[in-house]
Amino acid sequence: MNMRKPVSIFLIIILHLTFVIGHLSLADEYLLAPNDQLEIRLIGQKDLDTKQAVAPDGMISLPLLGRVTAQGQTLGGFNNSLSTEFGKYIKNPQVVVYLTPRPTYVVQHDIKKNTWDVKEAKSVEEARALAGRNYTGQISNGDIVSADLCRFKA
């Protein structure tokens, strides 16, 4: 019997689970802040679905609930909070919150050419790449990072 196929399938499953678990932990660590784009859906309650950005004061406006604080909460915690609050009006609400994180901008200064360029990064990892290998500062979602780039001819 060929053992390669079962072992390969097992490794693929482990890799997939590692990816999923990693993203779940990210959802628990990420704190909501102004300019995060949220899409909130209540299964079976289409008229209550909404898509909006977290306001500068950290709030969003929801049908039935009015203004709700989103800033400073994890995605999972916010989802649970909304389920509890909607539960006061709807029996067993199934709330799903989708997040589009606020963008991170990297301001690149090319020292040699004395030019400036602003790049939007879709992730912290992309922002680190845009900032260059010499950038040692902390980067978080929503930051505006300034990086001096020294380009050398190889």
C-alpha atoms as a PDB file:
ATOM      1  CA  MET A   1       0.000   0.000   0.000  1.00  0.00           C
ATOM      2  CA  ASN A   2       1.279   3.421  -0.921  1.00  0.00           C
ATOM      3  CA  MET A   3       1.736   5.524   2.274  1.00  0.00           C
ATOM      4  CA  ARG A   4       2.596   8.750   0.475  1.00  0.00           C
ATOM      5  CA  LYS A   5      -0.992   9.690  -0.306  1.00  0.00           C
ATOM      6  CA  PRO A   6      -2.334   9.360   3.300  1.00  0.00           C
ATOM      7  CA  VAL A   7       0.722  11.155   4.687  1.00  0.00           C
ATOM      8  CA  SER A   8       0.334  13.948   2.120  1.00  0.00           C
ATOM      9  CA  ILE A   9      -3.343  14.356   2.949  1.00  0.00           C
ATOM     10  CA  PHE A  10      -2.534  14.422   6.670  1.00  0.00           C
ATOM     11  CA  LEU A  11       0.107  17.137   6.149  1.00  0.00           C
ATOM     12  CA  ILE A  12      -2.280  19.232   4.050  1.00  0.00           C
ATOM     13  CA  ILE A  13      -4.941  18.996   6.774  1.00  0.00           C
ATOM     14  CA  ILE A  14      -2.434  20.025   9.474  1.00  0.00           C
ATOM     15  CA  LEU A  15      -1.250  22.974   7.355  1.00  0.00           C
ATOM     16  CA  HIS A  16      -4.842  24.083   6.741  1.00  0.00           C
ATOM     17  CA  LEU A  17      -5.726  23.850  10.448  1.00  0.00           C
ATOM     18  CA  THR A  18      -2.639  25.861  11.381  1.00  0.00           C
ATOM     19  CA  PHE A  19      -3.715  28.593   8.942  1.00  0.00           C
ATOM     20  CA  VAL A  20      -7.301  28.672  10.286  1.00  0.00           C
ATOM     21  CA  ILE A  21      -6.229  28.682  13.948  1.00  0.00           C
ATOM     22  CA  GLY A  22      -3.726  31.469  13.243  1.00  0.00           C
ATOM     23  CA  HIS A  23      -6.460  33.641  11.735  1.00  0.00           C
ATOM     24  CA  LEU A  24      -8.781  32.913  14.673  1.00  0.00           C
ATOM     25  CA  SER A  25      -6.161  34.123  17.129  1.00  0.00           C
ATOM     26  CA  LEU A  26      -5.649  37.261  15.004  1.00  0.00           C
ATOM     27  CA  ALA A  27      -9.369  38.009  15.332  1.00  0.00           C
ATOM     28  CA  ASP A  28      -9.034  37.837  19.127  1.00  0.00           C
ATOM     29  CA  GLU A  29      -5.966  40.115  19.185  1.00  0.00           C
ATOM     30  CA  TYR A  30      -7.081  42.788  16.711  1.00  0.00           C
ATOM     31  CA  LEU A  31      -8.708  45.744  18.444  1.00  0.00           C
ATOM     32  CA  LEU A  32     -11.362  47.676  16.559  1.00  0.00           C
ATOM     33  CA  ALA A  33     -10.631  51.358  15.972  1.00  0.00           C
ATOM     34  CA  PRO A  34     -11.931  54.319  13.951  1.00  0.00           C
ATOM     35  CA  ASN A  35     -11.986  53.773  10.169  1.00  0.00           C
ATOM     36  CA  ASP A  36     -12.292  49.970  10.437  1.00  0.00           C
ATOM     37  CA  GLN A  37     -14.943  48.864   7.952  1.00  0.00           C
ATOM     38  CA  LEU A  38     -17.519  46.554   9.559  1.00  0.00           C
ATOM     39  CA  GLU A  39     -20.226  44.541   7.873  1.00  0.00           C
ATOM     40  CA  ILE A  40     -22.747  43.271  10.390  1.00  0.00           C
ATOM     41  CA  ARG A  41     -25.272  40.639   9.374  1.00  0.00           C
ATOM     42  CA  LEU A  42     -28.064  39.026  11.317  1.00  0.00           C
ATOM     43  CA  ILE A  43     -28.983  35.690   9.778  1.00  0.00           C
ATOM     44  CA  GLY A  44     -32.647  35.734   8.766  1.00  0.00           C
ATOM     45  CA  GLN A  45     -32.964  39.481   9.513  1.00  0.00           C
ATOM     46  CA  LYS A  46     -31.822  41.085   6.260  1.00  0.00           C
ATOM     47  CA  ASP A  47     -33.409  44.438   7.152  1.00  0.00           C
ATOM     48  CA  LEU A  48     -30.966  44.748  10.086  1.00  0.00           C
ATOM     49  CA  ASP A  49     -27.799  44.141   8.019  1.00  0.00           C
ATOM     50  CA  THR A  50     -25.429  47.107   7.785  1.00  0.00           C
ATOM     51  CA  LYS A  51     -22.010  48.020   6.427  1.00  0.00           C
ATOM     52  CA  GLN A  52     -20.191  51.036   7.821  1.00  0.00           C
ATOM     53  CA  ALA A  53     -16.951  52.436   9.143  1.00  0.00           C
ATOM     54  CA  VAL A  54     -16.268  52.882  12.828  1.00  0.00           C
ATOM     55  CA  ALA A  55     -16.708  56.628  13.429  1.00  0.00           C
ATOM     56  CA  PRO A  56     -13.903  58.831  14.807  1.00  0.00           C
ATOM     57  CA  ASP A  57     -15.549  58.625  18.245  1.00  0.00           C
ATOM     58  CA  GLY A  58     -15.343  54.794  18.116  1.00  0.00           C
ATOM     59  CA  MET A  59     -19.071  54.277  17.642  1.00  0.00           C
ATOM     60  CA  ILE A  60     -21.333  52.739  15.002  1.00  0.00           C
ATOM     61  CA  SER A  61     -25.111  53.073  14.597  1.00  0.00           C
ATOM     62  CA  LEU A  62     -27.200  49.917  14.416  1.00  0.00           C
ATOM     63  CA  PRO A  63     -30.897  49.302  13.860  1.00  0.00           C
ATOM     64  CA  LEU A  64     -32.705  48.503  17.146  1.00  0.00           C
ATOM     65  CA  LEU A  65     -29.588  49.225  19.234  1.00  0.00           C
ATOM     66  CA  GLY A  66     -28.734  52.790  18.240  1.00  0.00           C
ATOM     67  CA  ARG A  67     -25.135  53.943  18.813  1.00  0.00           C
ATOM     68  CA  VAL A  68     -22.818  51.196  20.014  1.00  0.00           C
ATOM     69  CA  THR A  69     -19.152  51.414  21.039  1.00  0.00           C
ATOM     70  CA  ALA A  70     -16.916  49.321  18.773  1.00  0.00           C
ATOM     71  CA  GLN A  71     -13.511  50.898  19.488  1.00  0.00           C
ATOM     72  CA  GLY A  72     -11.212  48.914  21.769  1.00  0.00           C
ATOM     73  CA  GLN A  73     -13.079  45.616  21.422  1.00  0.00           C
ATOM     74  CA  THR A  74     -11.786  42.472  19.765  1.00  0.00           C
ATOM     75  CA  LEU A  75     -13.775  41.214  16.805  1.00  0.00           C
ATOM     76  CA  GLY A  76     -14.918  38.155  18.764  1.00  0.00           C
ATOM     77  CA  GLY A  77     -15.840  40.199  21.817  1.00  0.00           C
ATOM     78  CA  PHE A  78     -17.772  42.700  19.708  1.00  0.00           C
ATOM     79  CA  ASN A  79     -19.626  39.872  17.957  1.00  0.00           C
ATOM     80  CA  ASN A  80     -20.608  38.374  21.346  1.00  0.00           C
ATOM     81  CA  SER A  81     -21.656  41.784  22.671  1.00  0.00           C
ATOM     82  CA  LEU A  82     -23.907  42.378  19.664  1.00  0.00           C
ATOM     83  CA  SER A  83     -25.439  38.916  20.011  1.00  0.00           C
ATOM     84  CA  THR A  84     -26.309  39.711  23.630  1.00  0.00           C
ATOM     85  CA  GLU A  85     -27.766  43.128  22.801  1.00  0.00           C
ATOM     86  CA  PHE A  86     -29.772  41.921  19.778  1.00  0.00           C
ATOM     87  CA  GLY A  87     -30.956  39.024  21.973  1.00  0.00           C
ATOM     88  CA  LYS A  88     -33.039  41.558  23.901  1.00  0.00           C
ATOM     89  CA  TYR A  89     -35.146  42.077  20.754  1.00  0.00           C
ATOM     90  CA  ILE A  90     -34.696  38.903  18.677  1.00  0.00           C
ATOM     91  CA  LYS A  91     -34.874  35.302  19.840  1.00  0.00           C
ATOM     92  CA  ASN A  92     -31.473  33.553  19.411  1.00  0.00           C
ATOM     93  CA  PRO A  93     -29.890  36.114  17.037  1.00  0.00           C
ATOM     94  CA  GLN A  94     -27.103  34.815  14.848  1.00  0.00           C
ATOM     95  CA  VAL A  95     -24.776  37.769  14.380  1.00  0.00           C
ATOM     96  CA  VAL A  96     -21.829  37.716  11.978  1.00  0.00           C
ATOM     97  CA  VAL A  97     -19.333  40.599  11.911  1.00  0.00           C
ATOM     98  CA  TYR A  98     -16.958  40.953   8.965  1.00  0.00           C
ATOM     99  CA  LEU A  99     -13.948  43.252   9.254  1.00  0.00           C
ATOM    100  CA  THR A 100     -11.931  45.165   6.688  1.00  0.00           C
ATOM    101  CA  PRO A 101      -9.048  46.582   8.764  1.00  0.00           C
ATOM    102  CA  ARG A 102      -8.116  50.235   8.481  1.00  0.00           C
ATOM    103  CA  PRO A 103      -5.298  50.735   5.983  1.00  0.00           C
ATOM    104  CA  THR A 104      -1.690  51.315   6.946  1.00  0.00           C
ATOM    105  CA  TYR A 105       0.264  53.902   4.973  1.00  0.00           C
ATOM    106  CA  VAL A 106       4.005  53.919   4.413  1.00  0.00           C
ATOM    107  CA  VAL A 107       5.627  57.209   3.432  1.00  0.00           C
ATOM    108  CA  GLN A 108       8.801  56.282   1.577  1.00  0.00           C
ATOM    109  CA  HIS A 109      11.615  58.818   1.336  1.00  0.00           C
ATOM    110  CA  ASP A 110      14.184  57.923  -1.293  1.00  0.00           C
ATOM    111  CA  ILE A 111      17.266  59.654   0.127  1.00  0.00           C
ATOM    112  CA  LYS A 112      19.289  59.425  -3.059  1.00  0.00           C
ATOM    113  CA  LYS A 113      16.604  61.001  -5.287  1.00  0.00           C
ATOM    114  CA  ASN A 114      15.096  63.103  -2.473  1.00  0.00           C
ATOM    115  CA  THR A 115      11.592  62.003  -3.474  1.00  0.00           C
ATOM    116  CA  TRP A 116       8.610  60.991  -1.358  1.00  0.00           C
ATOM    117  CA  ASP A 117       6.034  58.331  -2.176  1.00  0.00           C
ATOM    118  CA  VAL A 118       2.980  57.221  -0.183  1.00  0.00           C
ATOM    119  CA  LYS A 119       1.976  53.548  -0.387  1.00  0.00           C
ATOM    120  CA  GLU A 120      -1.122  51.917   1.079  1.00  0.00           C
ATOM    121  CA  ALA A 121      -0.442  48.531   2.647  1.00  0.00           C
ATOM    122  CA  LYS A 122      -3.212  45.963   2.934  1.00  0.00           C
ATOM    123  CA  SER A 123      -1.546  44.238   5.901  1.00  0.00           C
ATOM    124  CA  VAL A 124       1.082  44.867   8.559  1.00  0.00           C
ATOM    125  CA  GLU A 125       3.385  42.422   6.753  1.00  0.00           C
ATOM    126  CA  GLU A 126       3.079  44.383   3.503  1.00  0.00           C
ATOM    127  CA  ALA A 127       3.771  47.624   5.405  1.00  0.00           C
ATOM    128  CA  ARG A 128       6.970  46.109   6.838  1.00  0.00           C
ATOM    129  CA  ALA A 129       8.075  45.151   3.326  1.00  0.00           C
ATOM    130  CA  LEU A 130       7.329  48.639   2.002  1.00  0.00           C
ATOM    131  CA  ALA A 131       9.190  50.255   4.906  1.00  0.00           C
ATOM    132  CA  GLY A 132      12.348  48.351   4.006  1.00  0.00           C
ATOM    133  CA  ARG A 133      14.646  46.000   5.863  1.00  0.00           C
ATOM    134  CA  ASN A 134      16.272  48.817   7.868  1.00  0.00           C
ATOM    135  CA  TYR A 135      12.994  49.947   9.456  1.00  0.00           C
ATOM    136  CA  THR A 136      12.929  48.780  13.088  1.00  0.00           C
ATOM    137  CA  GLY A 137       9.853  50.548  14.453  1.00  0.00           C
ATOM    138  CA  GLN A 138       6.554  49.008  15.475  1.00  0.00           C
ATOM    139  CA  ILE A 139       3.829  48.867  12.800  1.00  0.00           C
ATOM    140  CA  SER A 140       0.128  48.345  13.515  1.00  0.00           C
ATOM    141  CA  ASN A 141      -2.999  48.532  11.375  1.00  0.00           C
ATOM    142  CA  GLY A 142      -3.983  52.130  10.730  1.00  0.00           C
ATOM    143  CA  ASP A 143      -0.502  53.552  11.302  1.00  0.00           C
ATOM    144  CA  ILE A 144       1.226  56.072   9.073  1.00  0.00           C
ATOM    145  CA  VAL A 145       4.873  55.037   8.924  1.00  0.00           C
ATOM    146  CA  SER A 146       7.735  57.100   7.538  1.00  0.00           C
ATOM    147  CA  ALA A 147      10.756  55.229   6.195  1.00  0.00           C
ATOM    148  CA  ASP A 148      13.999  56.429   4.652  1.00  0.00           C
ATOM    149  CA  LEU A 149      15.046  54.200   1.782  1.00  0.00           C
ATOM    150  CA  CYS A 150      18.642  53.830   0.703  1.00  0.00           C
ATOM    151  CA  ARG A 151      18.901  52.093  -2.633  1.00  0.00           C
ATOM    152  CA  PHE A 152      22.245  50.811  -3.747  1.00  0.00           C
ATOM    153  CA  LYS A 153      23.222  49.481  -7.136  1.00  0.00           C
ATOM    154  CA  ALA A 154      24.228  45.843  -7.011  1.00  0.00           C
END
